[in-house]
Amino acid sequence: MGAEGLAVGVDLGGTKIAAGVFEPDGRLLGALAVEPTLADGPAEGSREALLGVVDGALAAAGIDSAALEGIGVGSPGPLDARSGTLLEIPTLPGLHYFPLRGTLQQRYGTRVEISNDGNCFALGEALYGAARAESVVLGVTMGTGCGAGLVVDGRIHEGATFNAGEVYRAPCGERTFDEVLSGPGLEQLYFEQVGVKRAGAEISELARNGDPAAGEVFEAFGVAVARGLGILAAVLDPQVVVLGGGVAAAFDCFEGVLKREIVQYIAPGAAEQLRIVASEAGASPGAAGAAALVFSSSGREG
């Protein structure tokens, strides 16, 4: 590690970018900076948002890039981690084939590490968050889309092509993981069952207030989430599944049905020990996990 022992961690999402300066123990220095991604517009807008959020994180920590050991970025996939290039990411249409590593290196003159955002979220939770005591951790992000990451003994399992956890195109019932286990998936389900378009936060608030229609939507949503997580848990056999992304804020609305239904997809022994929890740290686990990519190559398993 460098003398300063500081890294910027960036959580690049479909709707927002969060970044912070972190110490090796996961402590945030200053405050988390957040900007809209502007993913539906030209690449230049997203590029400026990315650079702006890193600048904001540095300013909040009271340092400049010369003090950094590096910058870590968690991005939706698919991506080419070797070249540092984003590929055809469905939730980032304006950033197809964007040279992420080169852009950041040119601006800040420091090492840049990149991995799938689900990987970084899982790593952040395994090292600093809700899964600190566990050796096999599955992190699942349900935001604009769905991502997953597996951490074993503090190391990310990235797979042969750095695409482990890229479940967005895989079938989950009649639709894909992205179309079901996501904020848009919840909103589409509500529209199909109720005939009204509402934002996810509105749907969860209605459910908490006893609205029967919203309650039925979350019942169906929990069944769908159980199917998707059940498939992943059956293959990976984690001790804990940590849910992140915007939908995790509504975990209380579907937690019961999820835990009731998931047991039909996994072995009894696995069902008895499996914990399913929601992240309690908002955007920080993904950003902290991205920073951890910089601190040690032991955080990754190729």
C-alpha atoms as a PDB file:
ATOM      1  CA  MET A   1       0.000   0.000   0.000  1.00  0.00           C
ATOM      2  CA  GLY A   2       1.043   3.595  -0.474  1.00  0.00           C
ATOM      3  CA  ALA A   3       1.952   5.815   2.424  1.00  0.00           C
ATOM      4  CA  GLU A   4      -1.420   7.505   2.523  1.00  0.00           C
ATOM      5  CA  GLY A   5      -3.523   4.314   2.505  1.00  0.00           C
ATOM      6  CA  LEU A   6      -6.488   6.049   0.866  1.00  0.00           C
ATOM      7  CA  ALA A   7      -8.586   5.067  -2.137  1.00  0.00           C
ATOM      8  CA  VAL A   8     -11.624   6.457  -3.896  1.00  0.00           C
ATOM      9  CA  GLY A   9     -14.411   3.931  -4.291  1.00  0.00           C
ATOM     10  CA  VAL A  10     -16.989   4.588  -7.007  1.00  0.00           C
ATOM     11  CA  ASP A  11     -20.374   2.877  -7.256  1.00  0.00           C
ATOM     12  CA  LEU A  12     -21.514   3.470 -10.843  1.00  0.00           C
ATOM     13  CA  GLY A  13     -25.236   2.788 -11.152  1.00  0.00           C
ATOM     14  CA  GLY A  14     -27.882   3.183 -13.810  1.00  0.00           C
ATOM     15  CA  THR A  15     -29.453   6.200 -12.110  1.00  0.00           C
ATOM     16  CA  LYS A  16     -26.781   7.579  -9.779  1.00  0.00           C
ATOM     17  CA  ILE A  17     -23.048   7.532  -9.123  1.00  0.00           C
ATOM     18  CA  ALA A  18     -21.761   7.486  -5.537  1.00  0.00           C
ATOM     19  CA  ALA A  19     -18.127   7.967  -4.572  1.00  0.00           C
ATOM     20  CA  GLY A  20     -16.148   8.364  -1.386  1.00  0.00           C
ATOM     21  CA  VAL A  21     -12.603   8.319  -0.067  1.00  0.00           C
ATOM     22  CA  PHE A  22     -12.001   5.265   2.115  1.00  0.00           C
ATOM     23  CA  GLU A  23      -9.342   4.027   4.485  1.00  0.00           C
ATOM     24  CA  PRO A  24      -8.290   0.336   4.318  1.00  0.00           C
ATOM     25  CA  ASP A  25     -10.628  -0.585   7.192  1.00  0.00           C
ATOM     26  CA  GLY A  26     -13.611   0.701   5.221  1.00  0.00           C
ATOM     27  CA  ARG A  27     -14.017   3.964   7.082  1.00  0.00           C
ATOM     28  CA  LEU A  28     -15.287   6.816   4.938  1.00  0.00           C
ATOM     29  CA  LEU A  29     -13.175   9.969   5.023  1.00  0.00           C
ATOM     30  CA  GLY A  30     -15.418  12.997   4.681  1.00  0.00           C
ATOM     31  CA  ALA A  31     -18.764  12.379   3.019  1.00  0.00           C
ATOM     32  CA  LEU A  32     -20.140  10.321   0.166  1.00  0.00           C
ATOM     33  CA  ALA A  33     -20.651  12.332  -3.034  1.00  0.00           C
ATOM     34  CA  VAL A  34     -23.647  11.435  -5.209  1.00  0.00           C
ATOM     35  CA  GLU A  35     -24.581  12.591  -8.713  1.00  0.00           C
ATOM     36  CA  PRO A  36     -27.167  11.446 -11.277  1.00  0.00           C
ATOM     37  CA  THR A  37     -25.616   9.171 -13.895  1.00  0.00           C
ATOM     38  CA  LEU A  38     -27.350  10.798 -16.902  1.00  0.00           C
ATOM     39  CA  ALA A  39     -27.144   7.383 -18.532  1.00  0.00           C
ATOM     40  CA  ASP A  40     -29.800   8.029 -21.169  1.00  0.00           C
ATOM     41  CA  GLY A  41     -27.942  10.984 -22.674  1.00  0.00           C
ATOM     42  CA  PRO A  42     -24.665  11.375 -24.543  1.00  0.00           C
ATOM     43  CA  ALA A  43     -21.546   9.794 -23.059  1.00  0.00           C
ATOM     44  CA  GLU A  44     -20.098  13.225 -22.347  1.00  0.00           C
ATOM     45  CA  GLY A  45     -22.772  13.940 -19.757  1.00  0.00           C
ATOM     46  CA  SER A  46     -22.097  10.686 -17.900  1.00  0.00           C
ATOM     47  CA  ARG A  47     -18.352  11.275 -18.155  1.00  0.00           C
ATOM     48  CA  GLU A  48     -18.685  14.687 -16.539  1.00  0.00           C
ATOM     49  CA  ALA A  49     -20.958  13.260 -13.838  1.00  0.00           C
ATOM     50  CA  LEU A  50     -18.376  10.559 -13.100  1.00  0.00           C
ATOM     51  CA  LEU A  51     -15.506  13.006 -12.859  1.00  0.00           C
ATOM     52  CA  GLY A  52     -17.651  15.409 -10.867  1.00  0.00           C
ATOM     53  CA  VAL A  53     -18.522  12.817  -8.242  1.00  0.00           C
ATOM     54  CA  VAL A  54     -14.858  11.804  -7.832  1.00  0.00           C
ATOM     55  CA  ASP A  55     -13.910  15.473  -7.517  1.00  0.00           C
ATOM     56  CA  GLY A  56     -16.663  15.858  -4.938  1.00  0.00           C
ATOM     57  CA  ALA A  57     -15.426  12.902  -2.909  1.00  0.00           C
ATOM     58  CA  LEU A  58     -11.871  14.273  -2.898  1.00  0.00           C
ATOM     59  CA  ALA A  59     -13.110  17.716  -1.863  1.00  0.00           C
ATOM     60  CA  ALA A  60     -15.231  16.244   0.936  1.00  0.00           C
ATOM     61  CA  ALA A  61     -12.184  14.371   2.256  1.00  0.00           C
ATOM     62  CA  GLY A  62      -9.958  17.429   1.949  1.00  0.00           C
ATOM     63  CA  ILE A  63      -7.336  15.737  -0.244  1.00  0.00           C
ATOM     64  CA  ASP A  64      -6.206  15.682  -3.856  1.00  0.00           C
ATOM     65  CA  SER A  65      -5.531  12.736  -6.131  1.00  0.00           C
ATOM     66  CA  ALA A  66      -1.804  12.727  -5.307  1.00  0.00           C
ATOM     67  CA  ALA A  67      -2.699  11.286  -1.879  1.00  0.00           C
ATOM     68  CA  LEU A  68      -4.487   8.301  -3.385  1.00  0.00           C
ATOM     69  CA  GLU A  69      -3.308   4.729  -3.684  1.00  0.00           C
ATOM     70  CA  GLY A  70      -5.847   4.368  -6.483  1.00  0.00           C
ATOM     71  CA  ILE A  71      -9.471   4.473  -7.576  1.00  0.00           C
ATOM     72  CA  GLY A  72     -11.764   1.450  -7.575  1.00  0.00           C
ATOM     73  CA  VAL A  73     -14.975   1.338  -9.603  1.00  0.00           C
ATOM     74  CA  GLY A  74     -17.912  -1.012  -9.357  1.00  0.00           C
ATOM     75  CA  SER A  75     -19.924  -0.924 -12.581  1.00  0.00           C
ATOM     76  CA  PRO A  76     -22.858  -2.860 -13.977  1.00  0.00           C
ATOM     77  CA  GLY A  77     -21.794  -5.356 -16.605  1.00  0.00           C
ATOM     78  CA  PRO A  78     -20.853  -6.639 -18.950  1.00  0.00           C
ATOM     79  CA  LEU A  79     -17.433  -5.038 -18.867  1.00  0.00           C
ATOM     80  CA  ASP A  80     -13.888  -5.858 -19.890  1.00  0.00           C
ATOM     81  CA  ALA A  81     -12.013  -5.643 -16.592  1.00  0.00           C
ATOM     82  CA  ARG A  82      -8.644  -6.223 -18.253  1.00  0.00           C
ATOM     83  CA  SER A  83      -8.862  -3.222 -20.564  1.00  0.00           C
ATOM     84  CA  GLY A  84     -11.078  -1.218 -18.241  1.00  0.00           C
ATOM     85  CA  THR A  85     -13.762  -0.739 -20.897  1.00  0.00           C
ATOM     86  CA  LEU A  86     -17.519  -0.839 -20.371  1.00  0.00           C
ATOM     87  CA  LEU A  87     -19.302  -3.030 -22.913  1.00  0.00           C
ATOM     88  CA  GLU A  88     -22.981  -3.017 -23.959  1.00  0.00           C
ATOM     89  CA  ILE A  89     -24.514  -2.429 -20.528  1.00  0.00           C
ATOM     90  CA  PRO A  90     -28.328  -2.311 -20.750  1.00  0.00           C
ATOM     91  CA  THR A  91     -28.698   0.153 -17.856  1.00  0.00           C
ATOM     92  CA  LEU A  92     -25.981   2.496 -19.205  1.00  0.00           C
ATOM     93  CA  PRO A  93     -26.918   2.971 -22.876  1.00  0.00           C
ATOM     94  CA  GLY A  94     -24.931   6.181 -23.194  1.00  0.00           C
ATOM     95  CA  LEU A  95     -21.712   4.525 -22.034  1.00  0.00           C
ATOM     96  CA  HIS A  96     -21.388   1.565 -24.378  1.00  0.00           C
ATOM     97  CA  TYR A  97     -17.665   0.873 -24.986  1.00  0.00           C
ATOM     98  CA  PHE A  98     -16.696   3.745 -22.694  1.00  0.00           C
ATOM     99  CA  PRO A  99     -12.950   3.656 -21.737  1.00  0.00           C
ATOM    100  CA  LEU A 100     -13.553   3.935 -18.005  1.00  0.00           C
ATOM    101  CA  ARG A 101     -10.058   3.116 -16.754  1.00  0.00           C
ATOM    102  CA  GLY A 102      -8.325   5.329 -19.293  1.00  0.00           C
ATOM    103  CA  THR A 103     -10.623   8.267 -18.559  1.00  0.00           C
ATOM    104  CA  LEU A 104      -9.938   8.120 -14.826  1.00  0.00           C
ATOM    105  CA  GLN A 105      -6.199   7.496 -15.198  1.00  0.00           C
ATOM    106  CA  GLN A 106      -5.839  10.450 -17.536  1.00  0.00           C
ATOM    107  CA  ARG A 107      -7.666  12.773 -15.130  1.00  0.00           C
ATOM    108  CA  TYR A 108      -6.253  11.625 -11.790  1.00  0.00           C
ATOM    109  CA  GLY A 109      -2.918   9.971 -12.614  1.00  0.00           C
ATOM    110  CA  THR A 110      -3.452   6.988 -10.330  1.00  0.00           C
ATOM    111  CA  ARG A 111      -4.094   3.245 -10.519  1.00  0.00           C
ATOM    112  CA  VAL A 112      -7.664   2.266 -11.413  1.00  0.00           C
ATOM    113  CA  GLU A 113      -9.276  -1.082 -10.604  1.00  0.00           C
ATOM    114  CA  ILE A 114     -12.663  -2.107 -12.043  1.00  0.00           C
ATOM    115  CA  SER A 115     -15.102  -4.892 -11.244  1.00  0.00           C
ATOM    116  CA  ASN A 116     -18.785  -5.716 -11.491  1.00  0.00           C
ATOM    117  CA  ASP A 117     -20.896  -3.625  -9.104  1.00  0.00           C
ATOM    118  CA  GLY A 118     -22.426  -6.755  -7.595  1.00  0.00           C
ATOM    119  CA  ASN A 119     -18.916  -8.002  -6.816  1.00  0.00           C
ATOM    120  CA  CYS A 120     -17.991  -4.734  -5.129  1.00  0.00           C
ATOM    121  CA  PHE A 121     -21.220  -4.651  -3.153  1.00  0.00           C
ATOM    122  CA  ALA A 122     -20.621  -8.210  -1.943  1.00  0.00           C
ATOM    123  CA  LEU A 123     -17.004  -7.422  -1.058  1.00  0.00           C
ATOM    124  CA  GLY A 124     -18.012  -4.318   0.881  1.00  0.00           C
ATOM    125  CA  GLU A 125     -20.597  -6.267   2.870  1.00  0.00           C
ATOM    126  CA  ALA A 126     -18.193  -9.170   3.465  1.00  0.00           C
ATOM    127  CA  LEU A 127     -15.385  -6.940   4.711  1.00  0.00           C
ATOM    128  CA  TYR A 128     -17.214  -4.105   6.435  1.00  0.00           C
ATOM    129  CA  GLY A 129     -20.962  -4.710   6.503  1.00  0.00           C
ATOM    130  CA  ALA A 130     -23.750  -7.124   7.358  1.00  0.00           C
ATOM    131  CA  ALA A 131     -21.721 -10.233   6.415  1.00  0.00           C
ATOM    132  CA  ARG A 132     -18.471  -9.527   8.275  1.00  0.00           C
ATOM    133  CA  ALA A 133     -18.518 -12.804  10.230  1.00  0.00           C
ATOM    134  CA  GLU A 134     -19.226 -15.053   7.226  1.00  0.00           C
ATOM    135  CA  SER A 135     -16.880 -16.797   4.793  1.00  0.00           C
ATOM    136  CA  VAL A 136     -19.283 -17.340   1.861  1.00  0.00           C
ATOM    137  CA  VAL A 137     -21.245 -14.205   0.998  1.00  0.00           C
ATOM    138  CA  LEU A 138     -23.654 -13.599  -1.870  1.00  0.00           C
ATOM    139  CA  GLY A 139     -24.472  -9.967  -2.563  1.00  0.00           C
ATOM    140  CA  VAL A 140     -27.425  -9.166  -4.810  1.00  0.00           C
ATOM    141  CA  THR A 141     -28.189  -5.639  -5.980  1.00  0.00           C
ATOM    142  CA  MET A 142     -31.735  -4.834  -7.047  1.00  0.00           C
ATOM    143  CA  GLY A 143     -31.821  -1.322  -8.443  1.00  0.00           C
ATOM    144  CA  THR A 144     -32.178  -0.214 -12.054  1.00  0.00           C
ATOM    145  CA  GLY A 145     -31.246  -3.813 -12.866  1.00  0.00           C
ATOM    146  CA  CYS A 146     -30.039  -6.888 -11.004  1.00  0.00           C
ATOM    147  CA  GLY A 147     -26.451  -7.835 -10.235  1.00  0.00           C
ATOM    148  CA  ALA A 148     -24.807 -10.444  -8.045  1.00  0.00           C
ATOM    149  CA  GLY A 149     -21.389 -11.064  -6.548  1.00  0.00           C
ATOM    150  CA  LEU A 150     -19.817 -13.925  -4.606  1.00  0.00           C
ATOM    151  CA  VAL A 151     -17.083 -13.447  -2.001  1.00  0.00           C
ATOM    152  CA  VAL A 152     -15.343 -16.476  -0.491  1.00  0.00           C
ATOM    153  CA  ASP A 153     -12.953 -15.941   2.434  1.00  0.00           C
ATOM    154  CA  GLY A 154     -12.666 -12.257   1.612  1.00  0.00           C
ATOM    155  CA  ARG A 155     -11.937 -12.815  -2.082  1.00  0.00           C
ATOM    156  CA  ILE A 156     -14.185 -11.977  -5.025  1.00  0.00           C
ATOM    157  CA  HIS A 157     -14.853 -14.887  -7.352  1.00  0.00           C
ATOM    158  CA  GLU A 158     -14.929 -13.197 -10.768  1.00  0.00           C
ATOM    159  CA  GLY A 159     -14.913 -16.255 -13.036  1.00  0.00           C
ATOM    160  CA  ALA A 160     -12.929 -17.127 -16.136  1.00  0.00           C
ATOM    161  CA  THR A 161     -14.005 -14.006 -18.050  1.00  0.00           C
ATOM    162  CA  PHE A 162     -14.774 -11.664 -15.120  1.00  0.00           C
ATOM    163  CA  ASN A 163     -18.498 -12.307 -15.680  1.00  0.00           C
ATOM    164  CA  ALA A 164     -19.418 -14.349 -12.602  1.00  0.00           C
ATOM    165  CA  GLY A 165     -22.627 -12.889 -11.189  1.00  0.00           C
ATOM    166  CA  GLU A 166     -23.771 -11.369 -14.489  1.00  0.00           C
ATOM    167  CA  VAL A 167     -27.261 -12.813 -14.202  1.00  0.00           C
ATOM    168  CA  TYR A 168     -29.088  -9.927 -15.869  1.00  0.00           C
ATOM    169  CA  ARG A 169     -29.940 -11.923 -19.025  1.00  0.00           C
ATOM    170  CA  ALA A 170     -30.652 -15.226 -17.279  1.00  0.00           C
ATOM    171  CA  PRO A 171     -34.293 -16.358 -17.058  1.00  0.00           C
ATOM    172  CA  CYS A 172     -36.171 -15.909 -13.809  1.00  0.00           C
ATOM    173  CA  GLY A 173     -39.559 -17.380 -14.612  1.00  0.00           C
ATOM    174  CA  GLU A 174     -40.864 -15.957 -17.869  1.00  0.00           C
ATOM    175  CA  ARG A 175     -38.620 -12.884 -17.687  1.00  0.00           C
ATOM    176  CA  THR A 176     -34.987 -12.112 -16.947  1.00  0.00           C
ATOM    177  CA  PHE A 177     -33.368 -11.323 -13.616  1.00  0.00           C
ATOM    178  CA  ASP A 178     -33.088  -7.681 -14.715  1.00  0.00           C
ATOM    179  CA  GLU A 179     -36.791  -7.525 -15.544  1.00  0.00           C
ATOM    180  CA  VAL A 180     -37.926  -9.165 -12.299  1.00  0.00           C
ATOM    181  CA  LEU A 181     -35.456  -8.520  -9.469  1.00  0.00           C
ATOM    182  CA  SER A 182     -35.241  -4.753  -9.874  1.00  0.00           C
ATOM    183  CA  GLY A 183     -37.031  -1.503  -9.193  1.00  0.00           C
ATOM    184  CA  PRO A 184     -38.558  -1.421 -12.685  1.00  0.00           C
ATOM    185  CA  GLY A 185     -39.596  -5.047 -12.140  1.00  0.00           C
ATOM    186  CA  LEU A 186     -41.537  -4.142  -8.987  1.00  0.00           C
ATOM    187  CA  GLU A 187     -43.156  -1.158 -10.693  1.00  0.00           C
ATOM    188  CA  GLN A 188     -44.135  -3.229 -13.748  1.00  0.00           C
ATOM    189  CA  LEU A 189     -45.667  -5.880 -11.506  1.00  0.00           C
ATOM    190  CA  TYR A 190     -47.748  -3.230  -9.735  1.00  0.00           C
ATOM    191  CA  PHE A 191     -48.923  -1.820 -13.063  1.00  0.00           C
ATOM    192  CA  GLU A 192     -49.897  -5.263 -14.346  1.00  0.00           C
ATOM    193  CA  GLN A 193     -51.847  -6.135 -11.203  1.00  0.00           C
ATOM    194  CA  VAL A 194     -53.355  -2.746 -10.335  1.00  0.00           C
ATOM    195  CA  GLY A 195     -53.393  -0.875 -13.646  1.00  0.00           C
ATOM    196  CA  VAL A 196     -51.735   2.252 -12.226  1.00  0.00           C
ATOM    197  CA  LYS A 197     -48.150   3.417 -12.636  1.00  0.00           C
ATOM    198  CA  ARG A 198     -46.403   4.158  -9.337  1.00  0.00           C
ATOM    199  CA  ALA A 199     -42.812   4.549  -8.195  1.00  0.00           C
ATOM    200  CA  GLY A 200     -41.352   1.833  -6.009  1.00  0.00           C
ATOM    201  CA  ALA A 201     -41.220   4.076  -2.931  1.00  0.00           C
ATOM    202  CA  GLU A 202     -44.939   4.820  -3.292  1.00  0.00           C
ATOM    203  CA  ILE A 203     -45.784   1.131  -3.603  1.00  0.00           C
ATOM    204  CA  SER A 204     -43.845   0.224  -0.467  1.00  0.00           C
ATOM    205  CA  GLU A 205     -45.437   3.067   1.484  1.00  0.00           C
ATOM    206  CA  LEU A 206     -48.893   1.884   0.463  1.00  0.00           C
ATOM    207  CA  ALA A 207     -48.033  -1.649   1.540  1.00  0.00           C
ATOM    208  CA  ARG A 208     -46.798  -0.467   4.940  1.00  0.00           C
ATOM    209  CA  ASN A 209     -50.039   1.423   5.408  1.00  0.00           C
ATOM    210  CA  GLY A 210     -52.099  -1.704   4.809  1.00  0.00           C
ATOM    211  CA  ASP A 211     -53.165  -1.155   1.204  1.00  0.00           C
ATOM    212  CA  PRO A 212     -54.367  -4.602   0.074  1.00  0.00           C
ATOM    213  CA  ALA A 213     -53.436  -4.167  -3.597  1.00  0.00           C
ATOM    214  CA  ALA A 214     -49.879  -3.139  -2.750  1.00  0.00           C
ATOM    215  CA  GLY A 215     -49.685  -6.020  -0.288  1.00  0.00           C
ATOM    216  CA  GLU A 216     -50.671  -8.487  -3.008  1.00  0.00           C
ATOM    217  CA  VAL A 217     -48.047  -7.022  -5.328  1.00  0.00           C
ATOM    218  CA  PHE A 218     -45.325  -7.553  -2.731  1.00  0.00           C
ATOM    219  CA  GLU A 219     -46.604 -11.084  -2.136  1.00  0.00           C
ATOM    220  CA  ALA A 220     -46.088 -11.822  -5.847  1.00  0.00           C
ATOM    221  CA  PHE A 221     -42.795  -9.941  -5.873  1.00  0.00           C
ATOM    222  CA  GLY A 222     -41.500 -11.957  -2.917  1.00  0.00           C
ATOM    223  CA  VAL A 223     -42.359 -15.186  -4.718  1.00  0.00           C
ATOM    224  CA  ALA A 224     -40.420 -14.005  -7.770  1.00  0.00           C
ATOM    225  CA  VAL A 225     -37.424 -12.906  -5.700  1.00  0.00           C
ATOM    226  CA  ALA A 226     -37.433 -16.272  -3.904  1.00  0.00           C
ATOM    227  CA  ARG A 227     -37.254 -18.030  -7.270  1.00  0.00           C
ATOM    228  CA  GLY A 228     -34.257 -15.971  -8.405  1.00  0.00           C
ATOM    229  CA  LEU A 229     -32.353 -16.045  -5.127  1.00  0.00           C
ATOM    230  CA  GLY A 230     -33.209 -19.715  -4.694  1.00  0.00           C
ATOM    231  CA  ILE A 231     -31.471 -20.582  -7.944  1.00  0.00           C
ATOM    232  CA  LEU A 232     -28.359 -18.634  -6.929  1.00  0.00           C
ATOM    233  CA  ALA A 233     -28.324 -20.015  -3.391  1.00  0.00           C
ATOM    234  CA  ALA A 234     -28.757 -23.591  -4.602  1.00  0.00           C
ATOM    235  CA  VAL A 235     -25.679 -23.275  -6.818  1.00  0.00           C
ATOM    236  CA  LEU A 236     -23.465 -21.161  -4.557  1.00  0.00           C
ATOM    237  CA  ASP A 237     -24.536 -22.292  -1.059  1.00  0.00           C
ATOM    238  CA  PRO A 238     -23.785 -19.010   0.753  1.00  0.00           C
ATOM    239  CA  GLN A 239     -24.039 -18.506   4.494  1.00  0.00           C
ATOM    240  CA  VAL A 240     -25.690 -15.132   3.945  1.00  0.00           C
ATOM    241  CA  VAL A 241     -27.388 -13.259   1.122  1.00  0.00           C
ATOM    242  CA  VAL A 242     -27.198  -9.478   1.429  1.00  0.00           C
ATOM    243  CA  LEU A 243     -29.635  -7.429  -0.637  1.00  0.00           C
ATOM    244  CA  GLY A 244     -28.739  -3.968  -1.870  1.00  0.00           C
ATOM    245  CA  GLY A 245     -29.994  -1.388  -4.320  1.00  0.00           C
ATOM    246  CA  GLY A 246     -33.150   0.679  -4.121  1.00  0.00           C
ATOM    247  CA  VAL A 247     -35.481  -2.310  -3.706  1.00  0.00           C
ATOM    248  CA  ALA A 248     -33.656  -3.365  -0.542  1.00  0.00           C
ATOM    249  CA  ALA A 249     -35.253  -0.377   1.204  1.00  0.00           C
ATOM    250  CA  ALA A 250     -38.585  -2.218   0.856  1.00  0.00           C
ATOM    251  CA  PHE A 251     -37.225  -5.511   2.233  1.00  0.00           C
ATOM    252  CA  ASP A 252     -39.692  -5.408   5.127  1.00  0.00           C
ATOM    253  CA  CYS A 253     -42.524  -5.563   2.582  1.00  0.00           C
ATOM    254  CA  PHE A 254     -41.478  -8.901   1.072  1.00  0.00           C
ATOM    255  CA  GLU A 255     -39.106 -10.441   3.640  1.00  0.00           C
ATOM    256  CA  GLY A 256     -41.703 -12.843   5.038  1.00  0.00           C
ATOM    257  CA  VAL A 257     -42.827 -14.319   1.744  1.00  0.00           C
ATOM    258  CA  LEU A 258     -39.243 -14.484   0.434  1.00  0.00           C
ATOM    259  CA  LYS A 259     -38.044 -16.526   3.423  1.00  0.00           C
ATOM    260  CA  ARG A 260     -41.146 -18.710   3.282  1.00  0.00           C
ATOM    261  CA  GLU A 261     -40.812 -19.493  -0.414  1.00  0.00           C
ATOM    262  CA  ILE A 262     -37.056 -19.827  -0.886  1.00  0.00           C
ATOM    263  CA  VAL A 263     -36.869 -23.076   1.095  1.00  0.00           C
ATOM    264  CA  GLN A 264     -38.448 -24.971  -1.805  1.00  0.00           C
ATOM    265  CA  TYR A 265     -35.424 -24.204  -4.014  1.00  0.00           C
ATOM    266  CA  ILE A 266     -32.558 -25.207  -1.708  1.00  0.00           C
ATOM    267  CA  ALA A 267     -31.507 -28.250   0.296  1.00  0.00           C
ATOM    268  CA  PRO A 268     -32.917 -28.471   3.842  1.00  0.00           C
ATOM    269  CA  GLY A 269     -29.477 -28.127   5.429  1.00  0.00           C
ATOM    270  CA  ALA A 270     -28.800 -25.000   3.421  1.00  0.00           C
ATOM    271  CA  ALA A 271     -32.212 -23.560   4.255  1.00  0.00           C
ATOM    272  CA  GLU A 272     -31.609 -24.003   7.982  1.00  0.00           C
ATOM    273  CA  GLN A 273     -28.408 -21.951   8.040  1.00  0.00           C
ATOM    274  CA  LEU A 274     -29.071 -19.383   5.309  1.00  0.00           C
ATOM    275  CA  ARG A 275     -29.489 -15.775   6.410  1.00  0.00           C
ATOM    276  CA  ILE A 276     -31.085 -13.199   4.114  1.00  0.00           C
ATOM    277  CA  VAL A 277     -30.619  -9.580   5.146  1.00  0.00           C
ATOM    278  CA  ALA A 278     -30.830  -6.124   3.646  1.00  0.00           C
ATOM    279  CA  SER A 279     -27.840  -3.823   3.598  1.00  0.00           C
ATOM    280  CA  GLU A 280     -28.101  -1.091   6.204  1.00  0.00           C
ATOM    281  CA  ALA A 281     -25.457   1.166   4.717  1.00  0.00           C
ATOM    282  CA  GLY A 282     -27.162   2.650   1.652  1.00  0.00           C
ATOM    283  CA  ALA A 283     -24.712   3.377  -1.158  1.00  0.00           C
ATOM    284  CA  SER A 284     -21.588   2.885   0.978  1.00  0.00           C
ATOM    285  CA  PRO A 285     -21.046  -0.912   0.662  1.00  0.00           C
ATOM    286  CA  GLY A 286     -20.624  -0.764  -3.104  1.00  0.00           C
ATOM    287  CA  ALA A 287     -18.299   2.220  -2.936  1.00  0.00           C
ATOM    288  CA  ALA A 288     -16.339   0.774  -0.007  1.00  0.00           C
ATOM    289  CA  GLY A 289     -16.031  -2.553  -1.813  1.00  0.00           C
ATOM    290  CA  ALA A 290     -14.792  -0.765  -4.926  1.00  0.00           C
ATOM    291  CA  ALA A 291     -12.132   0.985  -2.842  1.00  0.00           C
ATOM    292  CA  ALA A 292     -11.120  -2.395  -1.413  1.00  0.00           C
ATOM    293  CA  LEU A 293     -10.195  -3.478  -4.949  1.00  0.00           C
ATOM    294  CA  VAL A 294      -7.345  -0.998  -4.714  1.00  0.00           C
ATOM    295  CA  PHE A 295      -6.040  -1.884  -1.284  1.00  0.00           C
ATOM    296  CA  SER A 296      -5.151  -5.487  -1.959  1.00  0.00           C
ATOM    297  CA  SER A 297      -5.096  -7.863  -4.887  1.00  0.00           C
ATOM    298  CA  SER A 298      -6.201 -10.509  -2.336  1.00  0.00           C
ATOM    299  CA  GLY A 299      -9.664  -8.997  -2.600  1.00  0.00           C
ATOM    300  CA  ARG A 300     -10.065 -10.638  -5.997  1.00  0.00           C
ATOM    301  CA  GLU A 301      -9.977 -14.196  -7.236  1.00  0.00           C
ATOM    302  CA  GLY A 302      -9.572 -14.548 -10.983  1.00  0.00           C
END
